[in-house]
Protein backbone atom coordinates (compact mmCIF):
# COMPACT_ATOMS: atom_id res chain seq x y z
CA MET A 1 -8.13 -22.00 19.01
CA ALA A 2 -7.78 -20.41 15.59
CA GLU A 3 -6.30 -22.43 12.75
CA TRP A 4 -3.73 -19.66 12.33
CA ILE A 5 -3.17 -15.99 13.10
CA ALA A 6 -2.69 -13.32 10.46
CA ALA A 7 -0.50 -10.53 11.78
CA GLU A 8 0.77 -7.29 10.30
CA LYS A 9 3.64 -5.28 11.74
CA ARG A 10 3.78 -1.60 10.85
CA GLY A 11 6.40 0.32 12.78
CA ARG A 12 5.90 -0.56 16.44
CA ASN A 13 2.28 -1.61 15.98
CA VAL A 14 1.03 -5.13 15.28
CA ARG A 15 -2.51 -6.03 14.19
CA MET A 16 -3.74 -9.62 14.43
CA TRP A 17 -6.74 -11.58 13.16
CA ALA A 18 -7.96 -15.12 13.83
CA MET A 19 -8.09 -16.95 10.54
CA PRO A 20 -9.85 -17.97 8.43
CA GLU A 21 -12.71 -15.97 10.01
CA GLY A 22 -10.77 -12.70 10.04
CA ALA A 23 -11.88 -11.61 13.52
CA PRO A 24 -9.48 -9.14 15.22
CA VAL A 25 -7.69 -10.64 18.25
CA GLU A 26 -5.29 -9.37 20.90
CA ASP A 27 -3.36 -12.59 21.58
CA ALA A 28 -1.65 -14.99 19.17
CA MET A 29 -3.23 -18.37 19.98
CA GLY A 30 -2.08 -20.30 16.91
CA THR A 31 0.52 -20.38 14.15
CA VAL A 32 1.38 -16.82 13.18
CA VAL A 33 1.78 -15.64 9.59
CA MET A 34 3.35 -12.17 9.62
CA VAL A 35 3.37 -9.37 7.08
CA GLY A 36 6.13 -6.83 7.68
CA GLY A 37 8.63 -9.19 9.30
CA ASP A 38 12.34 -9.47 8.56
CA GLY A 39 12.27 -12.15 5.89
CA ALA A 40 14.20 -12.39 2.64
CA PRO A 41 12.30 -10.40 -0.03
CA ARG A 42 11.44 -11.53 -3.54
CA ARG A 43 13.77 -9.55 -5.80
CA ALA A 44 12.79 -11.10 -9.14
CA VAL A 45 10.17 -8.69 -10.51
CA PRO A 46 8.05 -9.34 -12.60
CA CYS A 47 6.77 -12.14 -10.39
CA LYS A 48 3.52 -13.72 -9.27
CA ALA A 49 1.48 -11.47 -7.02
CA ILE A 50 0.67 -14.40 -4.73
CA PRO A 51 3.90 -15.94 -3.40
CA GLU A 52 4.31 -19.66 -3.97
CA GLY A 53 5.55 -20.20 -0.42
CA LEU A 54 5.96 -18.56 2.96
CA VAL A 55 9.28 -18.00 4.76
CA PRO A 56 9.85 -19.77 8.12
CA GLY A 57 10.21 -17.21 10.91
CA ALA A 58 13.28 -17.24 13.15
CA GLY A 59 11.12 -17.53 16.26
CA GLY A 60 8.48 -19.81 14.74
CA GLY A 61 5.54 -19.20 12.49
CA PHE A 62 5.89 -17.86 8.96
CA LEU A 63 6.63 -14.62 7.15
CA PHE A 64 4.84 -13.32 4.07
CA PRO A 65 7.74 -12.55 1.68
CA ALA A 66 7.98 -8.89 0.73
CA LEU A 67 8.91 -7.59 -2.71
CA GLU A 68 12.00 -5.59 -3.56
CA TRP A 69 12.66 -3.92 -6.89
CA GLU A 70 15.46 -1.52 -7.79
CA GLY A 71 16.28 -1.22 -4.08
CA GLN A 72 12.71 -0.39 -3.06
CA PRO A 73 10.89 -2.49 -0.44
CA SER A 74 7.16 -3.06 -0.89
CA ASP A 75 6.53 -2.09 2.76
CA GLY A 76 3.43 -4.22 3.37
CA ALA A 77 1.91 -3.57 -0.05
CA GLU A 78 2.79 -7.14 -1.04
CA ALA A 79 -0.13 -8.59 0.95
CA ARG A 80 -2.62 -6.12 -0.51
CA ILE A 81 -1.37 -6.82 -4.03
CA ALA A 82 -1.80 -10.55 -3.43
CA GLY A 83 -5.28 -9.96 -2.03
CA PHE A 84 -6.41 -8.03 -5.07
CA ALA A 85 -4.91 -10.64 -7.42
CA ALA A 86 -6.74 -13.36 -5.49
CA ARG A 87 -10.00 -11.52 -6.18
CA ASP A 88 -9.28 -10.96 -9.89
CA ASP A 89 -6.23 -12.62 -11.46
CA ARG A 90 -7.13 -11.30 -14.95
CA TRP A 91 -7.12 -7.62 -14.05
CA ASP A 92 -4.64 -5.31 -15.79
CA GLY A 93 -3.97 -1.91 -14.28
CA VAL A 94 -2.40 -0.12 -11.34
CA LEU A 95 -2.86 -0.49 -7.60
CA CYS A 96 -2.15 2.53 -5.41
CA ILE A 97 -1.60 1.21 -1.87
CA VAL A 98 -1.64 4.06 0.65
CA GLY A 99 -0.16 3.63 4.12
CA GLU A 100 2.94 4.88 5.91
CA SER A 101 4.38 4.86 2.41
CA THR A 102 2.56 4.71 -0.92
CA VAL A 103 3.24 1.95 -3.43
CA TRP A 104 2.12 2.25 -7.05
CA ALA A 105 2.18 -1.21 -8.60
CA HIS A 106 1.47 -2.27 -12.17
CA ILE A 107 -0.41 -5.59 -12.09
CA SER A 108 -1.22 -7.76 -15.09
CA ALA A 109 -2.67 -11.28 -15.23
CA GLY A 110 -1.84 -12.03 -11.60
CA GLU A 111 1.74 -10.74 -11.82
CA VAL A 112 3.53 -7.71 -10.38
CA ILE A 113 5.18 -6.08 -13.39
CA SER A 114 6.83 -3.18 -11.54
CA PHE A 115 6.26 -0.83 -8.62
CA GLN A 116 7.32 2.54 -7.28
CA ARG A 117 7.35 3.53 -3.62
CA PHE A 118 6.86 7.04 -2.20
CA VAL A 119 7.24 8.22 1.42
CA THR A 120 4.79 11.13 1.24
CA ALA A 121 3.03 10.30 4.53
CA ARG A 122 6.37 9.98 6.31
CA LEU A 123 7.42 13.39 5.02
CA ALA A 124 4.15 14.82 6.30
CA ALA A 125 4.76 13.22 9.69
CA ALA A 126 8.32 14.54 9.78
CA ILE A 127 7.12 18.12 9.37
CA ASP A 128 4.20 17.45 11.73
CA VAL A 129 1.31 18.13 9.36
CA SER A 130 -2.20 17.42 10.60
CA GLU A 131 -4.74 15.55 8.48
CA MET A 132 -7.37 18.11 9.51
CA TRP A 133 -7.17 20.09 6.31
CA ASP A 134 -9.35 22.35 4.21
CA ASP A 135 -10.36 20.46 1.06
CA ILE A 136 -10.39 23.53 -1.19
CA LYS A 137 -6.84 24.52 -0.20
CA LEU A 138 -5.70 20.92 -0.66
CA ARG A 139 -7.12 20.71 -4.19
CA GLU A 140 -5.60 24.06 -5.18
CA ALA A 141 -2.16 23.12 -3.86
CA MET A 142 -2.35 19.65 -5.39
CA ALA A 143 -3.09 21.07 -8.84
CA ASP A 144 -0.24 23.60 -8.54
CA ALA A 145 2.27 20.99 -7.35
CA MET A 146 1.29 18.60 -10.14
CA ALA A 147 1.97 21.34 -12.69
CA ARG A 148 5.24 22.45 -11.07
CA PRO A 149 6.59 19.58 -8.93
CA GLU A 150 10.15 20.93 -9.11
CA ARG A 151 9.05 23.73 -6.75
CA LEU A 152 7.89 21.36 -4.00
CA ALA A 153 10.54 22.35 -1.43
CA ALA A 154 9.83 26.04 -1.89
CA TYR A 155 6.08 25.41 -1.77
CA VAL A 156 6.36 23.54 1.53
CA ALA A 157 8.67 26.21 2.98
CA ARG A 158 6.10 28.97 2.52
CA ALA A 159 2.93 26.97 3.20
CA GLY A 160 1.28 27.55 6.53
CA ASP A 161 -1.77 25.30 6.67
CA ALA A 162 -2.37 21.55 6.52
CA GLY A 163 -4.39 21.63 3.29
CA THR A 164 -1.70 23.47 1.37
CA LEU A 165 1.11 21.29 2.75
CA TRP A 166 -0.66 17.99 2.08
CA GLY A 167 -1.80 19.22 -1.33
CA ALA A 168 1.77 20.09 -2.31
CA LEU A 169 3.12 16.73 -1.12
CA LEU A 170 0.37 14.67 -2.76
CA GLY A 171 0.46 16.71 -5.96
CA ALA A 172 4.20 16.14 -6.29
CA GLU A 173 3.66 12.41 -5.76
CA LEU A 174 0.97 12.28 -8.44
CA ALA A 175 3.27 14.11 -10.84
CA ALA A 176 6.11 11.66 -10.18
CA ALA A 177 3.78 8.64 -10.42
CA LYS A 178 2.26 9.79 -13.73
CA PRO A 179 3.95 6.98 -15.74
CA TYR A 180 1.95 4.55 -13.59
CA TRP A 181 -1.52 6.09 -13.73
CA LEU A 182 -1.63 7.81 -17.13
CA GLY A 183 -3.94 5.84 -19.42
CA GLN A 184 -4.55 3.19 -16.75
CA GLN A 185 -7.38 2.14 -14.50
CA VAL A 186 -6.38 2.51 -10.86
CA VAL A 187 -7.55 0.88 -7.66
CA VAL A 188 -6.74 2.85 -4.48
CA ILE A 189 -6.28 0.63 -1.43
CA GLY A 190 -5.94 2.37 1.92
CA GLU A 191 -7.65 4.17 4.77
CA GLY A 192 -7.66 7.78 5.85
CA ARG A 193 -7.81 11.16 4.20
CA ALA A 194 -4.59 10.78 2.19
CA ALA A 195 -6.07 7.80 0.34
CA GLU A 196 -9.26 9.78 -0.29
CA ALA A 197 -7.25 12.76 -1.56
CA LEU A 198 -5.18 10.65 -3.95
CA ALA A 199 -8.32 9.02 -5.30
CA GLY A 200 -9.87 12.45 -5.79
CA GLY A 201 -6.74 13.78 -7.47
CA LEU A 202 -6.69 10.88 -9.91
CA ALA A 203 -10.39 11.29 -10.68
CA GLY A 204 -9.73 14.96 -11.37
CA GLN A 205 -7.25 13.88 -14.07
CA GLY A 206 -9.90 11.72 -15.73
CA VAL A 207 -8.43 8.45 -14.42
CA PRO A 208 -10.94 5.61 -13.84
CA VAL A 209 -10.61 5.02 -10.07
CA MET A 210 -11.99 2.29 -7.85
CA ARG A 211 -11.52 1.74 -4.11
CA ALA A 212 -10.81 -1.48 -2.22
CA ASP A 213 -10.87 -2.00 1.55
CA ASP A 214 -7.41 -2.14 3.09
CA THR A 215 -8.05 -4.82 5.71
CA ASP A 216 -10.00 -6.99 3.27
CA MET A 217 -7.07 -6.94 0.83
CA VAL A 218 -4.52 -7.81 3.56
CA LEU A 219 -6.53 -10.80 4.74
CA GLU A 220 -7.37 -12.00 1.23
CA GLY A 221 -3.70 -11.84 0.34
CA MET A 222 -2.63 -13.74 3.43
CA LYS A 223 -5.25 -16.43 2.87
CA ALA A 224 -4.10 -16.82 -0.73
CA ALA A 225 -0.45 -17.11 0.34
CA VAL A 226 -1.26 -19.70 3.02
CA ALA A 227 -3.27 -21.71 0.50
CA ALA A 228 -0.39 -21.56 -2.02
CA HIS A 229 1.96 -22.75 0.74
CA GLY A 230 -0.27 -25.75 1.41
CA GLY A 231 -1.51 -24.49 4.77
CA VAL A 232 0.30 -23.76 8.02
CA ALA A 233 -1.73 -25.57 10.68
């Protein structure tokens, strides 16, 4: 039996890992620590990236407390932020966490200074845009949307291919997130082509960009939170 189970709920899907080994599992045979549950969020930002304690779950187990700032939920990014801080608590820069929503978070000395959330991927899903795009069309549309983000709605209305649509959406996000990445070093955390495209778009603006594995950051963050809690077994 595992010492505890790390679980992440995203929409209707739940992923689980036996901890501390981090092996994926199908059944929860141990105390569950959940990211993405309905626990009270931490609303005092700036705050420590690694929470000082977990929240008891209504049905047992524990919840990893989310972050909330200016009415924005961190939407699972809280575990990835904690994981990166656990790896390097002296780092100063921006994390771009790409999932069902994108969270841009300014991190300094192990603290979350601020963050901004975007729902670009959800917009793409709502208009049923495939991720099978042409890279050249994506880059062209991204550059145009970054220069003229106020025309996003019109751009999307006349676009007819996945590369142009995704490029317009991602370019508008990069334009809006410019206060976060301008003059900063950025780590992109996430899987899939949207994460790759955002990393490429940032690099094209001369931003120093690194990548970090999504699952690694989730599990590192959950281990750090459990350790700060004093264990759960």
